[in-house]
Amino acid sequence: MFDGGGISRSARHRVTSARPGSDEVAFVPVEQLDGRVGGPVRRVVEAALRARRDGCPRYLEDGWEPAVLNTMRRHGIAPWVHSGSAWRWYDAPVPDELPIRQSWVWVFAPDGRVVMYVDDTGQAGLPGGTLEPFEQRDAAAASRREVREETQIELRGLRYLGYLRDAPPDGPACARVRMAAAIARVGRAATDPATGTVHRRLLVPPRLAAELCGWGPSATGQVDAALHAARSLGVAECAPGAPVEEIPVDGDAAPGRRPGR
C-alpha cells in the first residue's frame, strides 16, 4: 500500500462512476471504514496510516506485523545480516583437526523461553563468545564464563548440542559450538568486561530467537537440538505466542521462574 497523494473531486467522480451501481470502488474517510472492510484490510489501512505518520515503512503478513519485527521495534533490536546464514549445522562432536572458535548457549528459563542479550548498538544474540587461549578446546568452560560475563546468569545441566562449520573465503575453517543449559541463578545486571557495557537480557521463545539472530536455514537443526535438550533438563515447553520480556536489572523475580525458585 502506498500513499498516492491527494485526488481531485472530478477524478473521484470519474473513478466511482466508471462502474455505476457497483460497490467495488469507493473513497471512504478512515473513520467510516467500520462495516465496509474486514479485519485484515482494516489492520493494513491502520498500519499504513501509522507508517505515514511515523515516516517509515511497515511490513505485514496476513494483516499482522510478524513477531520478529514487532520484537525488534519494541526492544530496540537493530536489523543486521549475520554470516551464520551460510554456516552448516552438525549434530556431532567437533573433529579434532577443526579449531573451536566460539561457543554460544541456549539458556532456558523454566517456562521454555531462552535468554538473549541486546548490546548498546541494538545487536542481539545468544550469550556466549570466543574461547580464550587458556581454555584450549574446552567449550563448556568458555560457555559458563561468557554467559556469566554477558548476562550474569549461572547455568545448570550444561550440555553439548553440536557445531556450525564456518569456512570463510579469507581464512581457515573453524567450529562454532552450540550448547544448552537451564538457568540456575540470575544475578544483577553488570558490566561485560569484554565490551564495557551492561547488556539488556531478554526472554524470547526459542524459534523467535533464531529469527532475531538471523541464522537462516542453519538455525533449524540447532533449535530442534536445543528443544530436545530442554526437555531432558525438565524445562517446560514454551507456550505458543509467549511474550518477549526483559529480565529485571536486579535479577530478582525474573520472568519465567517457577514458584519457589
C-alpha atoms as a PDB file:
ATOM      1  CA  MET A   1       0.000   0.000   0.000  1.00  0.00           C
ATOM      2  CA  PHE A   2       1.392   3.405  -0.986  1.00  0.00           C
ATOM      3  CA  ASP A   3       0.389   6.970  -0.241  1.00  0.00           C
ATOM      4  CA  GLY A   4      -0.534   8.294  -3.685  1.00  0.00           C
ATOM      5  CA  GLY A   5      -1.186  11.839  -2.548  1.00  0.00           C
ATOM      6  CA  GLY A   6      -4.407  13.779  -2.999  1.00  0.00           C
ATOM      7  CA  ILE A   7      -7.109  13.249  -5.632  1.00  0.00           C
ATOM      8  CA  SER A   8      -9.416  15.879  -7.043  1.00  0.00           C
ATOM      9  CA  ARG A   9     -13.209  15.798  -6.788  1.00  0.00           C
ATOM     10  CA  SER A  10     -13.540  15.330 -10.557  1.00  0.00           C
ATOM     11  CA  ALA A  11     -11.072  12.446 -10.519  1.00  0.00           C
ATOM     12  CA  ARG A  12     -13.005  10.740  -7.725  1.00  0.00           C
ATOM     13  CA  HIS A  13     -16.193  11.168  -9.747  1.00  0.00           C
ATOM     14  CA  ARG A  14     -14.635   9.615 -12.857  1.00  0.00           C
ATOM     15  CA  VAL A  15     -13.365   6.605 -10.909  1.00  0.00           C
ATOM     16  CA  THR A  16     -16.559   5.909  -8.984  1.00  0.00           C
ATOM     17  CA  SER A  17     -18.836   6.475 -11.984  1.00  0.00           C
ATOM     18  CA  ALA A  18     -16.896   4.032 -14.155  1.00  0.00           C
ATOM     19  CA  ARG A  19     -18.921   1.206 -12.614  1.00  0.00           C
ATOM     20  CA  PRO A  20     -22.430   2.575 -11.915  1.00  0.00           C
ATOM     21  CA  GLY A  21     -24.194   0.825  -9.064  1.00  0.00           C
ATOM     22  CA  SER A  22     -21.047  -1.066  -8.057  1.00  0.00           C
ATOM     23  CA  ASP A  23     -19.520  -1.040  -4.596  1.00  0.00           C
ATOM     24  CA  GLU A  24     -16.130  -2.219  -5.873  1.00  0.00           C
ATOM     25  CA  VAL A  25     -14.699   1.309  -5.888  1.00  0.00           C
ATOM     26  CA  ALA A  26     -15.303   3.873  -3.162  1.00  0.00           C
ATOM     27  CA  PHE A  27     -13.474   6.687  -1.437  1.00  0.00           C
ATOM     28  CA  VAL A  28     -14.162   6.456   2.269  1.00  0.00           C
ATOM     29  CA  PRO A  29     -12.910   8.502   5.231  1.00  0.00           C
ATOM     30  CA  VAL A  30     -10.879   6.353   7.592  1.00  0.00           C
ATOM     31  CA  GLU A  31     -13.317   6.876  10.442  1.00  0.00           C
ATOM     32  CA  GLN A  32     -16.064   5.338   8.277  1.00  0.00           C
ATOM     33  CA  LEU A  33     -14.235   2.096   7.451  1.00  0.00           C
ATOM     34  CA  ASP A  34     -16.069   0.051  10.090  1.00  0.00           C
ATOM     35  CA  GLY A  35     -18.668  -2.140   8.416  1.00  0.00           C
ATOM     36  CA  ARG A  36     -17.102  -1.679   4.982  1.00  0.00           C
ATOM     37  CA  VAL A  37     -13.918  -3.740   5.283  1.00  0.00           C
ATOM     38  CA  GLY A  38     -12.930  -6.868   7.197  1.00  0.00           C
ATOM     39  CA  GLY A  39     -10.359  -7.147   9.942  1.00  0.00           C
ATOM     40  CA  PRO A  40      -7.257  -7.856   7.802  1.00  0.00           C
ATOM     41  CA  VAL A  41      -7.916  -4.924   5.457  1.00  0.00           C
ATOM     42  CA  ARG A  42      -8.616  -2.610   8.380  1.00  0.00           C
ATOM     43  CA  ARG A  43      -5.345  -3.639  10.026  1.00  0.00           C
ATOM     44  CA  VAL A  44      -3.450  -2.930   6.785  1.00  0.00           C
ATOM     45  CA  VAL A  45      -5.038   0.509   6.476  1.00  0.00           C
ATOM     46  CA  GLU A  46      -4.268   1.371  10.092  1.00  0.00           C
ATOM     47  CA  ALA A  47      -0.665   0.207   9.674  1.00  0.00           C
ATOM     48  CA  ALA A  48      -0.336   2.326   6.531  1.00  0.00           C
ATOM     49  CA  LEU A  49      -1.609   5.377   8.405  1.00  0.00           C
ATOM     50  CA  ARG A  50       0.906   4.768  11.208  1.00  0.00           C
ATOM     51  CA  ALA A  51       3.675   4.420   8.619  1.00  0.00           C
ATOM     52  CA  ARG A  52       2.726   7.739   7.033  1.00  0.00           C
ATOM     53  CA  ARG A  53       2.593   9.407  10.449  1.00  0.00           C
ATOM     54  CA  ASP A  54       5.972   7.959  11.533  1.00  0.00           C
ATOM     55  CA  GLY A  55       7.658   8.466   8.165  1.00  0.00           C
ATOM     56  CA  CYS A  56       8.802   4.843   7.853  1.00  0.00           C
ATOM     57  CA  PRO A  57       7.570   1.693   6.081  1.00  0.00           C
ATOM     58  CA  ARG A  58       5.711  -1.154   7.767  1.00  0.00           C
ATOM     59  CA  TYR A  59       5.692  -4.810   6.786  1.00  0.00           C
ATOM     60  CA  LEU A  60       2.701  -7.091   7.459  1.00  0.00           C
ATOM     61  CA  GLU A  61       1.866 -10.743   6.822  1.00  0.00           C
ATOM     62  CA  ASP A  62      -1.854 -11.544   6.537  1.00  0.00           C
ATOM     63  CA  GLY A  63      -2.576  -8.180   8.112  1.00  0.00           C
ATOM     64  CA  TRP A  64      -0.278  -8.684  11.103  1.00  0.00           C
ATOM     65  CA  GLU A  65       3.211  -7.427  11.811  1.00  0.00           C
ATOM     66  CA  PRO A  66       5.484 -10.519  12.125  1.00  0.00           C
ATOM     67  CA  ALA A  67       6.570 -11.260  15.686  1.00  0.00           C
ATOM     68  CA  VAL A  68      10.238 -10.784  14.791  1.00  0.00           C
ATOM     69  CA  LEU A  69       9.668  -7.223  13.553  1.00  0.00           C
ATOM     70  CA  ASN A  70       7.399  -6.363  16.465  1.00  0.00           C
ATOM     71  CA  THR A  71      10.049  -7.579  18.900  1.00  0.00           C
ATOM     72  CA  MET A  72      12.809  -5.660  17.139  1.00  0.00           C
ATOM     73  CA  ARG A  73      10.818  -2.446  17.274  1.00  0.00           C
ATOM     74  CA  ARG A  74       9.649  -2.814  20.888  1.00  0.00           C
ATOM     75  CA  HIS A  75      13.049  -3.785  22.280  1.00  0.00           C
ATOM     76  CA  GLY A  76      15.343  -1.656  20.129  1.00  0.00           C
ATOM     77  CA  ILE A  77      16.953  -4.534  18.240  1.00  0.00           C
ATOM     78  CA  ALA A  78      18.740  -3.397  15.090  1.00  0.00           C
ATOM     79  CA  PRO A  79      18.376  -5.329  11.810  1.00  0.00           C
ATOM     80  CA  TRP A  80      21.583  -6.913  10.623  1.00  0.00           C
ATOM     81  CA  VAL A  81      22.738  -9.632   8.239  1.00  0.00           C
ATOM     82  CA  HIS A  82      24.513 -12.465  10.036  1.00  0.00           C
ATOM     83  CA  SER A  83      27.109 -14.598   8.270  1.00  0.00           C
ATOM     84  CA  GLY A  84      25.703 -17.552  10.211  1.00  0.00           C
ATOM     85  CA  SER A  85      23.085 -17.998   7.496  1.00  0.00           C
ATOM     86  CA  ALA A  86      25.853 -19.625   5.437  1.00  0.00           C
ATOM     87  CA  TRP A  87      27.088 -21.950   8.199  1.00  0.00           C
ATOM     88  CA  ARG A  88      26.236 -25.659   8.139  1.00  0.00           C
ATOM     89  CA  TRP A  89      24.915 -27.441  11.243  1.00  0.00           C
ATOM     90  CA  TYR A  90      26.433 -30.733  12.517  1.00  0.00           C
ATOM     91  CA  ASP A  91      24.942 -32.609  15.488  1.00  0.00           C
ATOM     92  CA  ALA A  92      28.220 -34.434  16.107  1.00  0.00           C
ATOM     93  CA  PRO A  93      31.435 -33.869  18.043  1.00  0.00           C
ATOM     94  CA  VAL A  94      33.810 -31.288  16.625  1.00  0.00           C
ATOM     95  CA  PRO A  95      36.561 -33.045  14.602  1.00  0.00           C
ATOM     96  CA  ASP A  96      39.951 -32.889  16.296  1.00  0.00           C
ATOM     97  CA  GLU A  97      41.515 -31.066  13.364  1.00  0.00           C
ATOM     98  CA  LEU A  98      38.893 -28.271  13.373  1.00  0.00           C
ATOM     99  CA  PRO A  99      39.665 -25.334  15.722  1.00  0.00           C
ATOM    100  CA  ILE A 100      36.852 -24.268  18.063  1.00  0.00           C
ATOM    101  CA  ARG A 101      36.484 -20.507  17.868  1.00  0.00           C
ATOM    102  CA  GLN A 102      33.304 -19.775  19.818  1.00  0.00           C
ATOM    103  CA  SER A 103      30.647 -21.376  21.975  1.00  0.00           C
ATOM    104  CA  TRP A 104      27.132 -19.970  22.386  1.00  0.00           C
ATOM    105  CA  VAL A 105      24.451 -21.273  24.723  1.00  0.00           C
ATOM    106  CA  TRP A 106      20.690 -21.770  24.512  1.00  0.00           C
ATOM    107  CA  VAL A 107      19.926 -20.763  28.125  1.00  0.00           C
ATOM    108  CA  PHE A 108      16.408 -21.887  29.052  1.00  0.00           C
ATOM    109  CA  ALA A 109      14.118 -20.347  31.652  1.00  0.00           C
ATOM    110  CA  PRO A 110      11.716 -22.776  33.381  1.00  0.00           C
ATOM    111  CA  ASP A 111       8.852 -21.691  31.100  1.00  0.00           C
ATOM    112  CA  GLY A 112      10.776 -22.686  27.947  1.00  0.00           C
ATOM    113  CA  ARG A 113      11.886 -19.262  26.760  1.00  0.00           C
ATOM    114  CA  VAL A 114      15.573 -18.617  26.132  1.00  0.00           C
ATOM    115  CA  VAL A 115      17.885 -15.795  27.143  1.00  0.00           C
ATOM    116  CA  MET A 116      19.109 -13.297  24.568  1.00  0.00           C
ATOM    117  CA  TYR A 117      21.283 -10.284  25.229  1.00  0.00           C
ATOM    118  CA  VAL A 118      20.981  -6.899  23.493  1.00  0.00           C
ATOM    119  CA  ASP A 119      24.072  -4.690  23.468  1.00  0.00           C
ATOM    120  CA  ASP A 120      24.269  -0.906  23.299  1.00  0.00           C
ATOM    121  CA  THR A 121      24.260  -0.951  19.470  1.00  0.00           C
ATOM    122  CA  GLY A 122      20.996  -2.921  19.333  1.00  0.00           C
ATOM    123  CA  GLN A 123      22.654  -6.157  18.271  1.00  0.00           C
ATOM    124  CA  ALA A 124      21.020  -9.241  19.802  1.00  0.00           C
ATOM    125  CA  GLY A 125      22.319 -12.761  20.223  1.00  0.00           C
ATOM    126  CA  LEU A 126      22.575 -15.820  22.395  1.00  0.00           C
ATOM    127  CA  PRO A 127      25.033 -15.432  25.268  1.00  0.00           C
ATOM    128  CA  GLY A 128      28.453 -16.917  24.676  1.00  0.00           C
ATOM    129  CA  GLY A 129      31.614 -15.982  22.878  1.00  0.00           C
ATOM    130  CA  THR A 130      35.196 -16.688  21.928  1.00  0.00           C
ATOM    131  CA  LEU A 131      37.320 -19.309  23.660  1.00  0.00           C
ATOM    132  CA  GLU A 132      40.354 -17.865  25.421  1.00  0.00           C
ATOM    133  CA  PRO A 133      43.778 -19.486  24.845  1.00  0.00           C
ATOM    134  CA  PHE A 134      43.841 -20.924  28.373  1.00  0.00           C
ATOM    135  CA  GLU A 135      40.542 -22.718  27.680  1.00  0.00           C
ATOM    136  CA  GLN A 136      42.030 -24.523  24.675  1.00  0.00           C
ATOM    137  CA  ARG A 137      39.133 -26.664  23.326  1.00  0.00           C
ATOM    138  CA  ASP A 138      37.008 -26.563  26.489  1.00  0.00           C
ATOM    139  CA  ALA A 139      33.782 -25.105  25.050  1.00  0.00           C
ATOM    140  CA  ALA A 140      31.889 -25.816  28.283  1.00  0.00           C
ATOM    141  CA  ALA A 141      34.276 -23.726  30.375  1.00  0.00           C
ATOM    142  CA  ALA A 142      34.117 -20.880  27.842  1.00  0.00           C
ATOM    143  CA  SER A 143      30.316 -21.078  27.817  1.00  0.00           C
ATOM    144  CA  ARG A 144      29.997 -20.752  31.591  1.00  0.00           C
ATOM    145  CA  ARG A 145      32.439 -17.847  31.671  1.00  0.00           C
ATOM    146  CA  GLU A 146      30.910 -15.964  28.742  1.00  0.00           C
ATOM    147  CA  VAL A 147      27.315 -16.397  29.919  1.00  0.00           C
ATOM    148  CA  ARG A 148      28.281 -15.159  33.368  1.00  0.00           C
ATOM    149  CA  GLU A 149      30.147 -12.144  31.960  1.00  0.00           C
ATOM    150  CA  GLU A 150      27.465 -11.165  29.432  1.00  0.00           C
ATOM    151  CA  THR A 151      24.260 -11.921  31.336  1.00  0.00           C
ATOM    152  CA  GLN A 152      25.268 -12.612  34.979  1.00  0.00           C
ATOM    153  CA  ILE A 153      23.459 -15.964  34.792  1.00  0.00           C
ATOM    154  CA  GLU A 154      24.711 -19.200  36.339  1.00  0.00           C
ATOM    155  CA  LEU A 155      23.933 -22.407  34.454  1.00  0.00           C
ATOM    156  CA  ARG A 156      22.815 -25.899  35.371  1.00  0.00           C
ATOM    157  CA  GLY A 157      22.847 -29.020  33.225  1.00  0.00           C
ATOM    158  CA  LEU A 158      25.109 -27.585  30.526  1.00  0.00           C
ATOM    159  CA  ARG A 159      25.296 -29.966  27.588  1.00  0.00           C
ATOM    160  CA  TYR A 160      26.762 -30.066  24.115  1.00  0.00           C
ATOM    161  CA  LEU A 161      24.423 -29.864  21.103  1.00  0.00           C
ATOM    162  CA  GLY A 162      26.648 -29.688  18.035  1.00  0.00           C
ATOM    163  CA  TYR A 163      28.551 -27.171  15.988  1.00  0.00           C
ATOM    164  CA  LEU A 164      28.377 -24.921  12.961  1.00  0.00           C
ATOM    165  CA  ARG A 165      31.196 -25.110  10.449  1.00  0.00           C
ATOM    166  CA  ASP A 166      32.374 -21.689   9.356  1.00  0.00           C
ATOM    167  CA  ALA A 167      34.606 -21.737   6.291  1.00  0.00           C
ATOM    168  CA  PRO A 168      35.292 -18.079   5.391  1.00  0.00           C
ATOM    169  CA  PRO A 169      36.886 -17.437   1.979  1.00  0.00           C
ATOM    170  CA  ASP A 170      39.678 -15.371   3.551  1.00  0.00           C
ATOM    171  CA  GLY A 171      40.696 -17.620   6.421  1.00  0.00           C
ATOM    172  CA  PRO A 172      40.827 -21.150   7.872  1.00  0.00           C
ATOM    173  CA  ALA A 173      37.691 -23.094   8.744  1.00  0.00           C
ATOM    174  CA  CYS A 174      36.568 -23.231  12.366  1.00  0.00           C
ATOM    175  CA  ALA A 175      33.780 -24.614  14.537  1.00  0.00           C
ATOM    176  CA  ARG A 176      31.239 -22.516  16.397  1.00  0.00           C
ATOM    177  CA  VAL A 177      29.809 -24.721  19.139  1.00  0.00           C
ATOM    178  CA  ARG A 178      26.252 -24.646  20.432  1.00  0.00           C
ATOM    179  CA  MET A 179      25.307 -25.800  23.918  1.00  0.00           C
ATOM    180  CA  ALA A 180      22.145 -25.784  26.034  1.00  0.00           C
ATOM    181  CA  ALA A 181      21.532 -25.282  29.742  1.00  0.00           C
ATOM    182  CA  ALA A 182      18.890 -24.207  32.231  1.00  0.00           C
ATOM    183  CA  ILE A 183      19.046 -21.128  34.440  1.00  0.00           C
ATOM    184  CA  ALA A 184      20.381 -21.867  37.910  1.00  0.00           C
ATOM    185  CA  ARG A 185      20.561 -18.275  39.151  1.00  0.00           C
ATOM    186  CA  VAL A 186      20.060 -14.790  37.714  1.00  0.00           C
ATOM    187  CA  GLY A 187      22.312 -12.103  39.134  1.00  0.00           C
ATOM    188  CA  ARG A 188      22.150  -8.342  38.977  1.00  0.00           C
ATOM    189  CA  ALA A 189      22.968  -6.891  35.547  1.00  0.00           C
ATOM    190  CA  ALA A 190      26.616  -5.817  35.427  1.00  0.00           C
ATOM    191  CA  THR A 191      29.257  -4.561  33.025  1.00  0.00           C
ATOM    192  CA  ASP A 192      30.554  -7.069  30.497  1.00  0.00           C
ATOM    193  CA  PRO A 193      34.360  -6.932  30.888  1.00  0.00           C
ATOM    194  CA  ALA A 194      34.822  -7.612  27.166  1.00  0.00           C
ATOM    195  CA  THR A 195      32.727  -4.664  25.958  1.00  0.00           C
ATOM    196  CA  GLY A 196      32.451  -2.312  28.931  1.00  0.00           C
ATOM    197  CA  THR A 197      28.667  -2.171  28.600  1.00  0.00           C
ATOM    198  CA  VAL A 198      25.712  -3.526  30.538  1.00  0.00           C
ATOM    199  CA  HIS A 199      23.612  -5.731  28.277  1.00  0.00           C
ATOM    200  CA  ARG A 200      19.848  -5.944  28.380  1.00  0.00           C
ATOM    201  CA  ARG A 201      18.626  -9.505  28.956  1.00  0.00           C
ATOM    202  CA  LEU A 202      15.504 -10.749  27.200  1.00  0.00           C
ATOM    203  CA  LEU A 203      13.472 -13.944  27.499  1.00  0.00           C
ATOM    204  CA  VAL A 204      12.376 -14.989  23.992  1.00  0.00           C
ATOM    205  CA  PRO A 205      10.534 -18.002  22.506  1.00  0.00           C
ATOM    206  CA  PRO A 206      13.246 -20.255  21.003  1.00  0.00           C
ATOM    207  CA  ARG A 207      12.228 -20.130  17.342  1.00  0.00           C
ATOM    208  CA  LEU A 208      11.775 -16.374  17.512  1.00  0.00           C
ATOM    209  CA  ALA A 209      15.272 -16.127  18.995  1.00  0.00           C
ATOM    210  CA  ALA A 210      16.651 -17.909  15.932  1.00  0.00           C
ATOM    211  CA  GLU A 211      14.888 -15.403  13.672  1.00  0.00           C
ATOM    212  CA  LEU A 212      16.269 -12.467  15.641  1.00  0.00           C
ATOM    213  CA  CYS A 213      19.778 -13.885  15.297  1.00  0.00           C
ATOM    214  CA  GLY A 214      19.342 -14.045  11.511  1.00  0.00           C
ATOM    215  CA  TRP A 215      20.826 -17.517  11.084  1.00  0.00           C
ATOM    216  CA  GLY A 216      18.548 -18.608   8.273  1.00  0.00           C
ATOM    217  CA  PRO A 217      18.380 -22.332   7.351  1.00  0.00           C
ATOM    218  CA  SER A 218      21.223 -23.271   9.693  1.00  0.00           C
ATOM    219  CA  ALA A 219      19.004 -22.435  12.685  1.00  0.00           C
ATOM    220  CA  THR A 220      16.515 -25.290  12.254  1.00  0.00           C
ATOM    221  CA  GLY A 221      18.799 -28.111  13.348  1.00  0.00           C
ATOM    222  CA  GLN A 222      20.186 -26.347  16.371  1.00  0.00           C
ATOM    223  CA  VAL A 223      16.766 -25.150  17.541  1.00  0.00           C
ATOM    224  CA  ASP A 224      15.449 -28.714  17.393  1.00  0.00           C
ATOM    225  CA  ALA A 225      18.520 -29.962  19.267  1.00  0.00           C
ATOM    226  CA  ALA A 226      18.116 -27.225  21.887  1.00  0.00           C
ATOM    227  CA  LEU A 227      14.440 -28.044  22.452  1.00  0.00           C
ATOM    228  CA  HIS A 228      15.287 -31.735  22.852  1.00  0.00           C
ATOM    229  CA  ALA A 229      17.938 -30.833  25.423  1.00  0.00           C
ATOM    230  CA  ALA A 230      15.468 -28.593  27.264  1.00  0.00           C
ATOM    231  CA  ARG A 231      13.043 -31.496  27.666  1.00  0.00           C
ATOM    232  CA  SER A 232      15.811 -33.624  29.137  1.00  0.00           C
ATOM    233  CA  LEU A 233      16.537 -30.798  31.605  1.00  0.00           C
ATOM    234  CA  GLY A 234      12.921 -30.799  32.754  1.00  0.00           C
ATOM    235  CA  VAL A 235      12.187 -27.429  31.172  1.00  0.00           C
ATOM    236  CA  ALA A 236       8.589 -26.751  30.217  1.00  0.00           C
ATOM    237  CA  GLU A 237       7.676 -26.343  26.561  1.00  0.00           C
ATOM    238  CA  CYS A 238       7.326 -22.703  25.599  1.00  0.00           C
ATOM    239  CA  ALA A 239       3.700 -21.633  25.304  1.00  0.00           C
ATOM    240  CA  PRO A 240       2.540 -20.592  21.808  1.00  0.00           C
ATOM    241  CA  GLY A 241       2.766 -16.851  21.445  1.00  0.00           C
ATOM    242  CA  ALA A 242       4.721 -16.438  24.672  1.00  0.00           C
ATOM    243  CA  PRO A 243       5.713 -12.788  25.174  1.00  0.00           C
ATOM    244  CA  VAL A 244       9.184 -11.337  24.963  1.00  0.00           C
ATOM    245  CA  GLU A 245      10.120  -9.876  28.351  1.00  0.00           C
ATOM    246  CA  GLU A 246      13.162  -8.177  29.784  1.00  0.00           C
ATOM    247  CA  ILE A 247      14.782  -9.665  32.865  1.00  0.00           C
ATOM    248  CA  PRO A 248      14.852  -7.056  35.650  1.00  0.00           C
ATOM    249  CA  VAL A 249      18.171  -5.337  36.231  1.00  0.00           C
ATOM    250  CA  ASP A 250      18.376  -6.652  39.789  1.00  0.00           C
ATOM    251  CA  GLY A 251      17.748 -10.229  38.620  1.00  0.00           C
ATOM    252  CA  ASP A 252      15.094 -10.830  41.293  1.00  0.00           C
ATOM    253  CA  ALA A 253      11.697 -12.240  40.306  1.00  0.00           C
ATOM    254  CA  ALA A 254      12.961 -12.832  36.789  1.00  0.00           C
ATOM    255  CA  PRO A 255      10.159 -13.586  34.313  1.00  0.00           C
ATOM    256  CA  GLY A 256       9.769 -17.251  33.536  1.00  0.00           C
ATOM    257  CA  ARG A 257      10.625 -18.542  37.005  1.00  0.00           C
ATOM    258  CA  ARG A 258       8.512 -21.231  38.580  1.00  0.00           C
ATOM    259  CA  PRO A 259       7.060 -20.572  42.033  1.00  0.00           C
ATOM    260  CA  GLY A 260       9.576 -21.381  44.743  1.00  0.00           C
ATOM    261  CA  ARG A 261      12.622 -20.872  42.515  1.00  0.00           C
END
